[in-house]
Amino acid sequence: MTREQLILALQQEYAARREENMRIYEERRTQACEKCPGLREVLDARHAAVLQGVRTSLLNRFRKEGENAQLPNAMALMNQRIAEMLREAGLPADALDPVYTCAECKDEGYVYAPSRQMCRCMKQELNHRMLGELGLGASGNTFERFDETLFDDEEIDERDGFSQRKHALLAKKICLEYADSFPDTATPNLLLSGKSGLGKTFLLHAIAHRLVQRDIMPVYTSAYHLLEVARKAYFENSGDKLAEMMNAPILLIDDLGTEPMMQNITIEQLFNLLNERQLSRRHTVISTNLTMAEFKERYTERIASRLMDESSWRRLVLTGSDVRKKLKRGQA
């Protein structure tokens, strides 16, 4: 489902929630009136007074100043009488309070101060469902949970003088800036490369989480799923299967290089996807275990050259030891 479809589904659920809560309130009101003789009449009188006050304020353009001045006192007296009747019947003071799942938006899903905006409750549920659509509902891989202590800070890379931790922190910084600045990123695309267990998938998931927090719905896919979609598109002679990935404002591809190689499918479809997206200046983020030499050998010079275009791609190389092994051994 798209973000807009998810919002529509939530709005329908909130409407059903309001209806159910109104049913619960009416049930409570009926029970209270049965226990408190005369309560219904006081409640009806209070409701009528409120309606009359609203009608006077909205419809009488030339009303005299202070025409509704007695309404607050009248309301206070009626509220006091209602509270006394509930107390005398042994009912709680909130027995006739409106029933809301979220008191902030009154189950509308939106608040209106200073302008109409999505309530926190609906925003949180929308984010959860967007992540679920991406297959990341249970993933806790966010920038906030990035643990730099997992990465070695002792061994120094002789090529640039950076430790593994410094490489990882730099990659995190760049990925965070990318997610926060999208679509106005320094380069449209990112390539995260390095051996297994260095945090590439974590950072890819973190980018997805941050985009969702910003109300942006990326398309996320594994390389294996991408090949499955490409295979169906090839055998069915239809580009519709790849349309979502081709047209997504931002596409995240995890573990490119692990998918099977299928003649006339893998390389051709991958080239078409990356080439069209690059020409359209659509954003793509890829994680891979392959070096550029291995990438060129597997996917040909034609595809590798696209990823080596520094005007369109920024390449982040993660180095060092496998942090997942540390986690399994309980060293972190």
C-alpha atoms as a PDB file:
ATOM      1  CA  MET A   1       0.000   0.000   0.000  1.00  0.00           C
ATOM      2  CA  THR A   2       1.121   3.553  -0.629  1.00  0.00           C
ATOM      3  CA  ARG A   3       1.341   6.144   2.136  1.00  0.00           C
ATOM      4  CA  GLU A   4      -1.885   7.739   0.895  1.00  0.00           C
ATOM      5  CA  GLN A   5      -3.688   4.380   0.987  1.00  0.00           C
ATOM      6  CA  LEU A   6      -2.434   3.764   4.521  1.00  0.00           C
ATOM      7  CA  ILE A   7      -3.722   7.185   5.619  1.00  0.00           C
ATOM      8  CA  LEU A   8      -7.139   6.488   4.070  1.00  0.00           C
ATOM      9  CA  ALA A   9      -7.320   3.143   5.889  1.00  0.00           C
ATOM     10  CA  LEU A  10      -6.398   4.851   9.169  1.00  0.00           C
ATOM     11  CA  GLN A  11      -9.043   7.539   8.678  1.00  0.00           C
ATOM     12  CA  GLN A  12     -11.664   4.828   8.199  1.00  0.00           C
ATOM     13  CA  GLU A  13     -10.462   3.038  11.339  1.00  0.00           C
ATOM     14  CA  TYR A  14     -10.584   6.280  13.335  1.00  0.00           C
ATOM     15  CA  ALA A  15     -14.167   6.879  12.151  1.00  0.00           C
ATOM     16  CA  ALA A  16     -15.111   3.373  13.311  1.00  0.00           C
ATOM     17  CA  ARG A  17     -13.326   4.042  16.612  1.00  0.00           C
ATOM     18  CA  ARG A  18     -15.331   7.242  17.164  1.00  0.00           C
ATOM     19  CA  GLU A  19     -18.554   5.390  16.437  1.00  0.00           C
ATOM     20  CA  GLU A  20     -17.704   2.613  18.899  1.00  0.00           C
ATOM     21  CA  ASN A  21     -16.674   5.088  21.606  1.00  0.00           C
ATOM     22  CA  MET A  22     -19.916   7.012  21.096  1.00  0.00           C
ATOM     23  CA  ARG A  23     -21.828   3.744  21.534  1.00  0.00           C
ATOM     24  CA  ILE A  24     -19.968   3.118  24.810  1.00  0.00           C
ATOM     25  CA  TYR A  25     -20.750   6.659  25.997  1.00  0.00           C
ATOM     26  CA  GLU A  26     -24.443   6.339  25.166  1.00  0.00           C
ATOM     27  CA  GLU A  27     -24.550   3.043  27.028  1.00  0.00           C
ATOM     28  CA  ARG A  28     -22.970   4.664  30.092  1.00  0.00           C
ATOM     29  CA  ARG A  29     -25.367   7.601  29.858  1.00  0.00           C
ATOM     30  CA  THR A  30     -28.395   5.300  29.720  1.00  0.00           C
ATOM     31  CA  GLN A  31     -27.165   3.319  32.731  1.00  0.00           C
ATOM     32  CA  ALA A  32     -26.519   6.512  34.697  1.00  0.00           C
ATOM     33  CA  CYS A  33     -29.965   7.919  33.894  1.00  0.00           C
ATOM     34  CA  GLU A  34     -31.598   4.692  35.036  1.00  0.00           C
ATOM     35  CA  LYS A  35     -29.840   4.984  38.405  1.00  0.00           C
ATOM     36  CA  CYS A  36     -30.395   8.743  38.816  1.00  0.00           C
ATOM     37  CA  PRO A  37     -34.020   9.916  38.527  1.00  0.00           C
ATOM     38  CA  GLY A  38     -34.116  13.363  36.916  1.00  0.00           C
ATOM     39  CA  LEU A  39     -30.582  13.128  35.504  1.00  0.00           C
ATOM     40  CA  ARG A  40     -31.774  12.837  31.924  1.00  0.00           C
ATOM     41  CA  GLU A  41     -33.724  16.083  32.195  1.00  0.00           C
ATOM     42  CA  VAL A  42     -30.691  17.961  33.579  1.00  0.00           C
ATOM     43  CA  LEU A  43     -28.453  16.565  30.848  1.00  0.00           C
ATOM     44  CA  ASP A  44     -30.973  17.554  28.183  1.00  0.00           C
ATOM     45  CA  ALA A  45     -31.254  21.043  29.669  1.00  0.00           C
ATOM     46  CA  ARG A  46     -27.459  21.421  29.641  1.00  0.00           C
ATOM     47  CA  HIS A  47     -27.286  20.280  26.030  1.00  0.00           C
ATOM     48  CA  ALA A  48     -30.026  22.712  25.034  1.00  0.00           C
ATOM     49  CA  ALA A  49     -28.239  25.576  26.821  1.00  0.00           C
ATOM     50  CA  VAL A  50     -25.015  24.849  24.947  1.00  0.00           C
ATOM     51  CA  LEU A  51     -26.811  24.747  21.585  1.00  0.00           C
ATOM     52  CA  GLN A  52     -28.613  27.983  22.329  1.00  0.00           C
ATOM     53  CA  GLY A  53     -25.354  29.687  23.266  1.00  0.00           C
ATOM     54  CA  VAL A  54     -23.698  28.551  20.051  1.00  0.00           C
ATOM     55  CA  ARG A  55     -26.724  29.575  17.995  1.00  0.00           C
ATOM     56  CA  THR A  56     -26.763  33.024  19.572  1.00  0.00           C
ATOM     57  CA  SER A  57     -23.053  33.545  18.948  1.00  0.00           C
ATOM     58  CA  LEU A  58     -23.079  32.394  15.309  1.00  0.00           C
ATOM     59  CA  LEU A  59     -26.391  33.597  13.940  1.00  0.00           C
ATOM     60  CA  ASN A  60     -27.022  36.906  15.671  1.00  0.00           C
ATOM     61  CA  ARG A  61     -24.562  39.282  14.026  1.00  0.00           C
ATOM     62  CA  PHE A  62     -25.990  42.244  15.945  1.00  0.00           C
ATOM     63  CA  ARG A  63     -26.296  40.608  19.361  1.00  0.00           C
ATOM     64  CA  LYS A  64     -26.022  42.810  22.381  1.00  0.00           C
ATOM     65  CA  GLU A  65     -22.759  42.663  24.258  1.00  0.00           C
ATOM     66  CA  GLY A  66     -22.973  40.223  27.159  1.00  0.00           C
ATOM     67  CA  GLU A  67     -26.033  38.442  25.789  1.00  0.00           C
ATOM     68  CA  ASN A  68     -24.479  35.068  26.733  1.00  0.00           C
ATOM     69  CA  ALA A  69     -22.976  36.356  29.978  1.00  0.00           C
ATOM     70  CA  GLN A  70     -25.190  34.162  32.147  1.00  0.00           C
ATOM     71  CA  LEU A  71     -24.335  30.951  30.282  1.00  0.00           C
ATOM     72  CA  PRO A  72     -21.140  30.097  32.230  1.00  0.00           C
ATOM     73  CA  ASN A  73     -22.939  30.432  35.579  1.00  0.00           C
ATOM     74  CA  ALA A  74     -25.876  28.360  34.346  1.00  0.00           C
ATOM     75  CA  MET A  75     -23.527  25.684  33.046  1.00  0.00           C
ATOM     76  CA  ALA A  76     -21.596  25.612  36.327  1.00  0.00           C
ATOM     77  CA  LEU A  77     -24.799  25.117  38.314  1.00  0.00           C
ATOM     78  CA  MET A  78     -25.975  22.297  36.046  1.00  0.00           C
ATOM     79  CA  ASN A  79     -22.570  20.602  36.159  1.00  0.00           C
ATOM     80  CA  GLN A  80     -22.595  20.839  39.931  1.00  0.00           C
ATOM     81  CA  ARG A  81     -26.074  19.295  40.071  1.00  0.00           C
ATOM     82  CA  ILE A  82     -25.041  16.452  37.725  1.00  0.00           C
ATOM     83  CA  ALA A  83     -21.962  15.718  39.864  1.00  0.00           C
ATOM     84  CA  GLU A  84     -24.154  15.592  43.014  1.00  0.00           C
ATOM     85  CA  MET A  85     -26.621  13.194  41.378  1.00  0.00           C
ATOM     86  CA  LEU A  86     -23.835  10.867  40.245  1.00  0.00           C
ATOM     87  CA  ARG A  87     -22.292  10.908  43.722  1.00  0.00           C
ATOM     88  CA  GLU A  88     -25.610  10.178  45.400  1.00  0.00           C
ATOM     89  CA  ALA A  89     -26.104   7.197  43.063  1.00  0.00           C
ATOM     90  CA  GLY A  90     -22.626   5.847  43.891  1.00  0.00           C
ATOM     91  CA  LEU A  91     -21.315   6.459  40.373  1.00  0.00           C
ATOM     92  CA  PRO A  92     -17.805   7.770  39.623  1.00  0.00           C
ATOM     93  CA  ALA A  93     -17.379  11.440  38.828  1.00  0.00           C
ATOM     94  CA  ASP A  94     -16.228  10.644  35.275  1.00  0.00           C
ATOM     95  CA  ALA A  95     -19.179   8.357  34.484  1.00  0.00           C
ATOM     96  CA  LEU A  96     -20.480  10.816  31.872  1.00  0.00           C
ATOM     97  CA  ASP A  97     -17.146  11.985  30.482  1.00  0.00           C
ATOM     98  CA  PRO A  98     -16.735  11.547  26.712  1.00  0.00           C
ATOM     99  CA  VAL A  99     -15.003   8.305  25.728  1.00  0.00           C
ATOM    100  CA  TYR A 100     -11.830   8.826  23.676  1.00  0.00           C
ATOM    101  CA  THR A 101      -9.002   6.496  22.770  1.00  0.00           C
ATOM    102  CA  CYS A 102      -6.872   9.616  22.289  1.00  0.00           C
ATOM    103  CA  ALA A 103      -7.977  12.640  24.287  1.00  0.00           C
ATOM    104  CA  GLU A 104      -5.604  14.916  22.359  1.00  0.00           C
ATOM    105  CA  CYS A 105      -7.363  14.565  18.994  1.00  0.00           C
ATOM    106  CA  LYS A 106     -10.656  13.135  20.317  1.00  0.00           C
ATOM    107  CA  ASP A 107     -10.153  10.236  17.894  1.00  0.00           C
ATOM    108  CA  GLU A 108     -10.201  12.512  14.858  1.00  0.00           C
ATOM    109  CA  GLY A 109      -6.607  11.636  14.017  1.00  0.00           C
ATOM    110  CA  TYR A 110      -5.860  15.354  13.554  1.00  0.00           C
ATOM    111  CA  VAL A 111      -5.348  18.371  15.798  1.00  0.00           C
ATOM    112  CA  TYR A 112      -6.066  21.930  14.746  1.00  0.00           C
ATOM    113  CA  ALA A 113      -3.691  24.147  16.696  1.00  0.00           C
ATOM    114  CA  PRO A 114      -2.272  26.209  15.171  1.00  0.00           C
ATOM    115  CA  SER A 115      -3.342  24.495  11.921  1.00  0.00           C
ATOM    116  CA  ARG A 116      -4.616  21.085  10.876  1.00  0.00           C
ATOM    117  CA  GLN A 117      -1.942  18.459  11.392  1.00  0.00           C
ATOM    118  CA  MET A 118      -1.786  14.757  12.111  1.00  0.00           C
ATOM    119  CA  CYS A 119      -2.054  13.852  15.777  1.00  0.00           C
ATOM    120  CA  ARG A 120       0.851  12.058  17.438  1.00  0.00           C
ATOM    121  CA  CYS A 121      -1.235   8.906  17.866  1.00  0.00           C
ATOM    122  CA  MET A 122      -2.058   8.662  14.165  1.00  0.00           C
ATOM    123  CA  LYS A 123       1.453   9.668  13.134  1.00  0.00           C
ATOM    124  CA  GLN A 124       2.939   6.875  15.256  1.00  0.00           C
ATOM    125  CA  GLU A 125       0.559   4.279  13.821  1.00  0.00           C
ATOM    126  CA  LEU A 126       1.184   5.494  10.265  1.00  0.00           C
ATOM    127  CA  ASN A 127       4.951   5.204  10.746  1.00  0.00           C
ATOM    128  CA  HIS A 128       4.519   1.696  12.139  1.00  0.00           C
ATOM    129  CA  ARG A 129       2.449   0.633   9.142  1.00  0.00           C
ATOM    130  CA  MET A 130       4.765   2.247   6.627  1.00  0.00           C
ATOM    131  CA  LEU A 131       7.666   0.284   8.105  1.00  0.00           C
ATOM    132  CA  GLY A 132       5.511  -2.834   7.992  1.00  0.00           C
ATOM    133  CA  GLU A 133       4.891  -2.275   4.288  1.00  0.00           C
ATOM    134  CA  LEU A 134       8.661  -2.113   3.816  1.00  0.00           C
ATOM    135  CA  GLY A 135       9.128  -5.350   5.747  1.00  0.00           C
ATOM    136  CA  LEU A 136      10.933  -3.465   8.533  1.00  0.00           C
ATOM    137  CA  GLY A 137       8.205  -3.461  11.174  1.00  0.00           C
ATOM    138  CA  ALA A 138      10.289  -5.412  13.703  1.00  0.00           C
ATOM    139  CA  SER A 139      13.612  -3.835  12.764  1.00  0.00           C
ATOM    140  CA  GLY A 140      15.206  -1.734  15.476  1.00  0.00           C
ATOM    141  CA  ASN A 141      17.977  -0.592  13.154  1.00  0.00           C
ATOM    142  CA  THR A 142      17.767   3.171  13.601  1.00  0.00           C
ATOM    143  CA  PHE A 143      20.408   5.880  13.778  1.00  0.00           C
ATOM    144  CA  GLU A 144      19.544   6.361  17.450  1.00  0.00           C
ATOM    145  CA  ARG A 145      20.464   2.737  18.182  1.00  0.00           C
ATOM    146  CA  PHE A 146      23.763   2.818  16.308  1.00  0.00           C
ATOM    147  CA  ASP A 147      26.412   1.505  18.735  1.00  0.00           C
ATOM    148  CA  GLU A 148      29.881   2.768  17.844  1.00  0.00           C
ATOM    149  CA  THR A 149      31.513   0.631  20.544  1.00  0.00           C
ATOM    150  CA  LEU A 150      30.907  -2.454  18.410  1.00  0.00           C
ATOM    151  CA  PHE A 151      33.567  -1.234  15.998  1.00  0.00           C
ATOM    152  CA  ASP A 152      37.275  -1.603  16.676  1.00  0.00           C
ATOM    153  CA  ASP A 153      39.102   1.624  17.477  1.00  0.00           C
ATOM    154  CA  GLU A 154      42.613   0.184  17.808  1.00  0.00           C
ATOM    155  CA  GLU A 155      43.612  -1.145  14.412  1.00  0.00           C
ATOM    156  CA  ILE A 156      44.341   1.664  11.957  1.00  0.00           C
ATOM    157  CA  ASP A 157      43.822   1.446   8.195  1.00  0.00           C
ATOM    158  CA  GLU A 158      47.200   2.376   6.685  1.00  0.00           C
ATOM    159  CA  ARG A 159      45.542   3.790   3.556  1.00  0.00           C
ATOM    160  CA  ASP A 160      43.814   6.678   5.307  1.00  0.00           C
ATOM    161  CA  GLY A 161      44.774   6.472   8.986  1.00  0.00           C
ATOM    162  CA  PHE A 162      41.188   5.708  10.031  1.00  0.00           C
ATOM    163  CA  SER A 163      40.135   3.021  12.482  1.00  0.00           C
ATOM    164  CA  GLN A 164      37.148   0.787  11.821  1.00  0.00           C
ATOM    165  CA  ARG A 165      35.131   2.876  14.279  1.00  0.00           C
ATOM    166  CA  LYS A 166      36.011   6.094  12.515  1.00  0.00           C
ATOM    167  CA  HIS A 167      34.970   4.594   9.165  1.00  0.00           C
ATOM    168  CA  ALA A 168      31.661   3.451  10.684  1.00  0.00           C
ATOM    169  CA  LEU A 169      30.954   6.827  12.321  1.00  0.00           C
ATOM    170  CA  LEU A 170      31.691   8.640   9.071  1.00  0.00           C
ATOM    171  CA  ALA A 171      29.367   6.298   7.178  1.00  0.00           C
ATOM    172  CA  LYS A 172      26.645   6.871   9.777  1.00  0.00           C
ATOM    173  CA  LYS A 173      27.075  10.661   9.523  1.00  0.00           C
ATOM    174  CA  ILE A 174      26.827  10.625   5.736  1.00  0.00           C
ATOM    175  CA  CYS A 175      23.805   8.293   5.724  1.00  0.00           C
ATOM    176  CA  LEU A 176      22.024  10.400   8.356  1.00  0.00           C
ATOM    177  CA  GLU A 177      22.659  13.594   6.399  1.00  0.00           C
ATOM    178  CA  TYR A 178      21.433  11.850   3.249  1.00  0.00           C
ATOM    179  CA  ALA A 179      18.173  10.727   4.895  1.00  0.00           C
ATOM    180  CA  ASP A 180      17.592  14.125   6.539  1.00  0.00           C
ATOM    181  CA  SER A 181      18.276  16.153   3.393  1.00  0.00           C
ATOM    182  CA  PHE A 182      16.393  13.987   0.875  1.00  0.00           C
ATOM    183  CA  PRO A 183      15.503  14.935  -1.838  1.00  0.00           C
ATOM    184  CA  ASP A 184      18.113  17.720  -1.737  1.00  0.00           C
ATOM    185  CA  THR A 185      21.072  15.392  -1.196  1.00  0.00           C
ATOM    186  CA  ALA A 186      24.688  16.137  -2.157  1.00  0.00           C
ATOM    187  CA  THR A 187      24.549  13.229  -4.629  1.00  0.00           C
ATOM    188  CA  PRO A 188      21.392  11.373  -5.653  1.00  0.00           C
ATOM    189  CA  ASN A 189      22.785   7.947  -4.824  1.00  0.00           C
ATOM    190  CA  LEU A 190      24.761   6.064  -2.163  1.00  0.00           C
ATOM    191  CA  LEU A 191      26.709   2.815  -2.467  1.00  0.00           C
ATOM    192  CA  LEU A 192      27.536   1.061   0.818  1.00  0.00           C
ATOM    193  CA  SER A 193      30.213  -1.574   0.243  1.00  0.00           C
ATOM    194  CA  GLY A 194      32.376  -3.822   2.375  1.00  0.00           C
ATOM    195  CA  LYS A 195      32.528  -7.347   3.735  1.00  0.00           C
ATOM    196  CA  SER A 196      29.656  -8.975   5.618  1.00  0.00           C
ATOM    197  CA  GLY A 197      28.929  -7.904   9.173  1.00  0.00           C
ATOM    198  CA  LEU A 198      30.136  -4.303   8.966  1.00  0.00           C
ATOM    199  CA  GLY A 199      26.765  -2.558   9.350  1.00  0.00           C
ATOM    200  CA  LYS A 200      25.702  -1.932   5.747  1.00  0.00           C
ATOM    201  CA  THR A 201      22.209  -3.381   6.168  1.00  0.00           C
ATOM    202  CA  PHE A 202      21.851  -1.600   9.523  1.00  0.00           C
ATOM    203  CA  LEU A 203      22.545   1.745   7.853  1.00  0.00           C
ATOM    204  CA  LEU A 204      20.183   0.936   4.983  1.00  0.00           C
ATOM    205  CA  HIS A 205      17.412   0.172   7.482  1.00  0.00           C
ATOM    206  CA  ALA A 206      18.265   3.323   9.457  1.00  0.00           C
ATOM    207  CA  ILE A 207      17.854   5.422   6.299  1.00  0.00           C
ATOM    208  CA  ALA A 208      14.445   3.821   5.723  1.00  0.00           C
ATOM    209  CA  HIS A 209      13.362   4.501   9.324  1.00  0.00           C
ATOM    210  CA  ARG A 210      14.430   8.142   9.142  1.00  0.00           C
ATOM    211  CA  LEU A 211      12.643   8.686   5.822  1.00  0.00           C
ATOM    212  CA  VAL A 212       9.450   7.216   7.266  1.00  0.00           C
ATOM    213  CA  GLN A 213       9.781   9.542  10.276  1.00  0.00           C
ATOM    214  CA  ARG A 214       9.832  12.369   7.727  1.00  0.00           C
ATOM    215  CA  ASP A 215       6.618  11.063   6.073  1.00  0.00           C
ATOM    216  CA  ILE A 216       8.554   9.804   3.053  1.00  0.00           C
ATOM    217  CA  MET A 217       7.737   6.299   1.802  1.00  0.00           C
ATOM    218  CA  PRO A 218      10.804   4.664   0.208  1.00  0.00           C
ATOM    219  CA  VAL A 219      10.745   1.393  -1.695  1.00  0.00           C
ATOM    220  CA  TYR A 220      12.916  -1.218   0.000  1.00  0.00           C
ATOM    221  CA  THR A 221      13.931  -4.521  -1.588  1.00  0.00           C
ATOM    222  CA  SER A 222      16.489  -7.257  -1.211  1.00  0.00           C
ATOM    223  CA  ALA A 223      18.575  -8.094  -4.262  1.00  0.00           C
ATOM    224  CA  TYR A 224      16.950 -11.535  -4.349  1.00  0.00           C
ATOM    225  CA  HIS A 225      13.439 -10.039  -4.449  1.00  0.00           C
ATOM    226  CA  LEU A 226      14.573  -7.595  -7.124  1.00  0.00           C
ATOM    227  CA  LEU A 227      15.672 -10.528  -9.295  1.00  0.00           C
ATOM    228  CA  GLU A 228      12.327 -12.274  -8.750  1.00  0.00           C
ATOM    229  CA  VAL A 229      10.487  -9.162  -9.932  1.00  0.00           C
ATOM    230  CA  ALA A 230      12.869  -8.810 -12.894  1.00  0.00           C
ATOM    231  CA  ARG A 231      12.407 -12.478 -13.826  1.00  0.00           C
ATOM    232  CA  LYS A 232       8.619 -12.149 -13.878  1.00  0.00           C
ATOM    233  CA  ALA A 233       8.861  -8.954 -15.899  1.00  0.00           C
ATOM    234  CA  TYR A 234      11.093 -10.722 -18.452  1.00  0.00           C
ATOM    235  CA  PHE A 235       8.974 -13.845 -18.895  1.00  0.00           C
ATOM    236  CA  GLU A 236       5.685 -11.943 -18.910  1.00  0.00           C
ATOM    237  CA  ASN A 237       7.132  -9.364 -21.308  1.00  0.00           C
ATOM    238  CA  SER A 238       5.773  -6.557 -19.157  1.00  0.00           C
ATOM    239  CA  GLY A 239       7.467  -3.615 -17.529  1.00  0.00           C
ATOM    240  CA  ASP A 240       4.656  -3.229 -15.001  1.00  0.00           C
ATOM    241  CA  LYS A 241       6.369  -5.538 -12.533  1.00  0.00           C
ATOM    242  CA  LEU A 242       9.370  -3.214 -12.272  1.00  0.00           C
ATOM    243  CA  ALA A 243       7.400   0.018 -12.454  1.00  0.00           C
ATOM    244  CA  GLU A 244       7.286   0.601  -8.690  1.00  0.00           C
ATOM    245  CA  MET A 245      11.060   0.213  -8.370  1.00  0.00           C
ATOM    246  CA  MET A 246      11.721   2.177 -11.538  1.00  0.00           C
ATOM    247  CA  ASN A 247       9.554   5.127 -10.519  1.00  0.00           C
ATOM    248  CA  ALA A 248      10.078   5.243  -6.748  1.00  0.00           C
ATOM    249  CA  PRO A 249      11.472   8.619  -5.621  1.00  0.00           C
ATOM    250  CA  ILE A 250      13.951   6.659  -3.498  1.00  0.00           C
ATOM    251  CA  LEU A 251      14.842   2.956  -3.850  1.00  0.00           C
ATOM    252  CA  LEU A 252      16.844   0.973  -1.278  1.00  0.00           C
ATOM    253  CA  ILE A 253      18.463  -2.268  -2.517  1.00  0.00           C
ATOM    254  CA  ASP A 254      20.044  -4.557   0.082  1.00  0.00           C
ATOM    255  CA  ASP A 255      22.770  -7.160  -0.538  1.00  0.00           C
ATOM    256  CA  LEU A 256      23.264  -6.626  -4.253  1.00  0.00           C
ATOM    257  CA  GLY A 257      25.545  -9.393  -5.469  1.00  0.00           C
ATOM    258  CA  THR A 258      23.924 -12.208  -3.481  1.00  0.00           C
ATOM    259  CA  GLU A 259      21.129 -12.845  -5.998  1.00  0.00           C
ATOM    260  CA  PRO A 260      21.423 -15.678  -8.587  1.00  0.00           C
ATOM    261  CA  MET A 261      22.688 -14.766 -12.049  1.00  0.00           C
ATOM    262  CA  MET A 262      20.132 -15.471 -14.763  1.00  0.00           C
ATOM    263  CA  GLN A 263      21.149 -15.135 -18.393  1.00  0.00           C
ATOM    264  CA  ASN A 264      19.593 -12.153 -20.191  1.00  0.00           C
ATOM    265  CA  ILE A 265      17.793 -11.120 -17.008  1.00  0.00           C
ATOM    266  CA  THR A 266      19.986 -10.144 -14.058  1.00  0.00           C
ATOM    267  CA  ILE A 267      22.462  -7.873 -15.838  1.00  0.00           C
ATOM    268  CA  GLU A 268      20.081  -6.418 -18.419  1.00  0.00           C
ATOM    269  CA  GLN A 269      17.306  -5.630 -15.973  1.00  0.00           C
ATOM    270  CA  LEU A 270      19.704  -4.210 -13.394  1.00  0.00           C
ATOM    271  CA  PHE A 271      21.302  -1.985 -16.016  1.00  0.00           C
ATOM    272  CA  ASN A 272      17.926  -0.726 -17.220  1.00  0.00           C
ATOM    273  CA  LEU A 273      16.809  -0.035 -13.648  1.00  0.00           C
ATOM    274  CA  LEU A 274      19.938   1.858 -12.597  1.00  0.00           C
ATOM    275  CA  ASN A 275      20.323   3.672 -15.905  1.00  0.00           C
ATOM    276  CA  GLU A 276      16.730   4.909 -16.015  1.00  0.00           C
ATOM    277  CA  ARG A 277      16.798   5.976 -12.392  1.00  0.00           C
ATOM    278  CA  GLN A 278      20.092   7.800 -12.867  1.00  0.00           C
ATOM    279  CA  LEU A 279      18.854   9.601 -15.992  1.00  0.00           C
ATOM    280  CA  SER A 280      15.703  10.625 -14.105  1.00  0.00           C
ATOM    281  CA  ARG A 281      17.753  11.789 -11.089  1.00  0.00           C
ATOM    282  CA  ARG A 282      15.799   9.450  -8.830  1.00  0.00           C
ATOM    283  CA  HIS A 283      17.558   8.456  -5.632  1.00  0.00           C
ATOM    284  CA  THR A 284      18.986   4.973  -5.076  1.00  0.00           C
ATOM    285  CA  VAL A 285      20.885   3.461  -2.143  1.00  0.00           C
ATOM    286  CA  ILE A 286      22.621   0.086  -2.565  1.00  0.00           C
ATOM    287  CA  SER A 287      24.463  -2.153  -0.130  1.00  0.00           C
ATOM    288  CA  THR A 288      26.838  -4.792  -1.464  1.00  0.00           C
ATOM    289  CA  ASN A 289      29.618  -7.088  -0.291  1.00  0.00           C
ATOM    290  CA  LEU A 290      31.400  -6.714  -3.623  1.00  0.00           C
ATOM    291  CA  THR A 291      34.472  -4.618  -4.306  1.00  0.00           C
ATOM    292  CA  MET A 292      34.366  -2.483  -7.442  1.00  0.00           C
ATOM    293  CA  ALA A 293      36.592  -5.018  -9.225  1.00  0.00           C
ATOM    294  CA  GLU A 294      34.201  -7.823  -8.267  1.00  0.00           C
ATOM    295  CA  PHE A 295      31.246  -5.657  -9.239  1.00  0.00           C
ATOM    296  CA  LYS A 296      32.723  -5.045 -12.675  1.00  0.00           C
ATOM    297  CA  GLU A 297      33.442  -8.739 -13.173  1.00  0.00           C
ATOM    298  CA  ARG A 298      29.931  -9.796 -12.127  1.00  0.00           C
ATOM    299  CA  TYR A 299      27.842  -7.074 -13.739  1.00  0.00           C
ATOM    300  CA  THR A 300      30.113  -5.822 -16.561  1.00  0.00           C
ATOM    301  CA  GLU A 301      31.859  -2.514 -17.091  1.00  0.00           C
ATOM    302  CA  ARG A 302      28.640  -0.941 -18.338  1.00  0.00           C
ATOM    303  CA  ILE A 303      26.938  -1.181 -14.922  1.00  0.00           C
ATOM    304  CA  ALA A 304      30.081  -0.602 -12.845  1.00  0.00           C
ATOM    305  CA  SER A 305      30.732   2.651 -14.707  1.00  0.00           C
ATOM    306  CA  ARG A 306      27.351   3.976 -13.560  1.00  0.00           C
ATOM    307  CA  LEU A 307      28.315   3.399  -9.935  1.00  0.00           C
ATOM    308  CA  MET A 308      31.733   4.976 -10.439  1.00  0.00           C
ATOM    309  CA  ASP A 309      30.183   8.244 -11.650  1.00  0.00           C
ATOM    310  CA  GLU A 310      31.071  10.517  -8.721  1.00  0.00           C
ATOM    311  CA  SER A 311      28.611  13.189  -9.835  1.00  0.00           C
ATOM    312  CA  SER A 312      25.755  10.753  -9.186  1.00  0.00           C
ATOM    313  CA  TRP A 313      27.101   8.229  -6.676  1.00  0.00           C
ATOM    314  CA  ARG A 314      28.883   8.497  -3.370  1.00  0.00           C
ATOM    315  CA  ARG A 315      30.642   5.309  -2.325  1.00  0.00           C
ATOM    316  CA  LEU A 316      31.121   4.451   1.358  1.00  0.00           C
ATOM    317  CA  VAL A 317      33.545   1.600   2.055  1.00  0.00           C
ATOM    318  CA  LEU A 318      33.250  -0.033   5.479  1.00  0.00           C
ATOM    319  CA  THR A 319      36.266  -1.976   6.706  1.00  0.00           C
ATOM    320  CA  GLY A 320      37.396  -4.034   9.681  1.00  0.00           C
ATOM    321  CA  SER A 321      36.203  -7.130  11.516  1.00  0.00           C
ATOM    322  CA  ASP A 322      32.716  -8.646  11.518  1.00  0.00           C
ATOM    323  CA  VAL A 323      30.754  -7.013  14.369  1.00  0.00           C
ATOM    324  CA  ARG A 324      28.094  -9.708  14.243  1.00  0.00           C
ATOM    325  CA  LYS A 325      30.654 -12.236  15.430  1.00  0.00           C
ATOM    326  CA  LYS A 326      31.360  -9.994  18.422  1.00  0.00           C
ATOM    327  CA  LEU A 327      27.658  -9.861  19.228  1.00  0.00           C
ATOM    328  CA  LYS A 328      27.367 -13.645  19.053  1.00  0.00           C
ATOM    329  CA  ARG A 329      30.346 -14.081  21.349  1.00  0.00           C
ATOM    330  CA  GLY A 330      28.895 -11.511  23.773  1.00  0.00           C
ATOM    331  CA  GLN A 331      31.873  -9.186  23.458  1.00  0.00           C
ATOM    332  CA  ALA A 332      29.766  -6.120  22.812  1.00  0.00           C
END
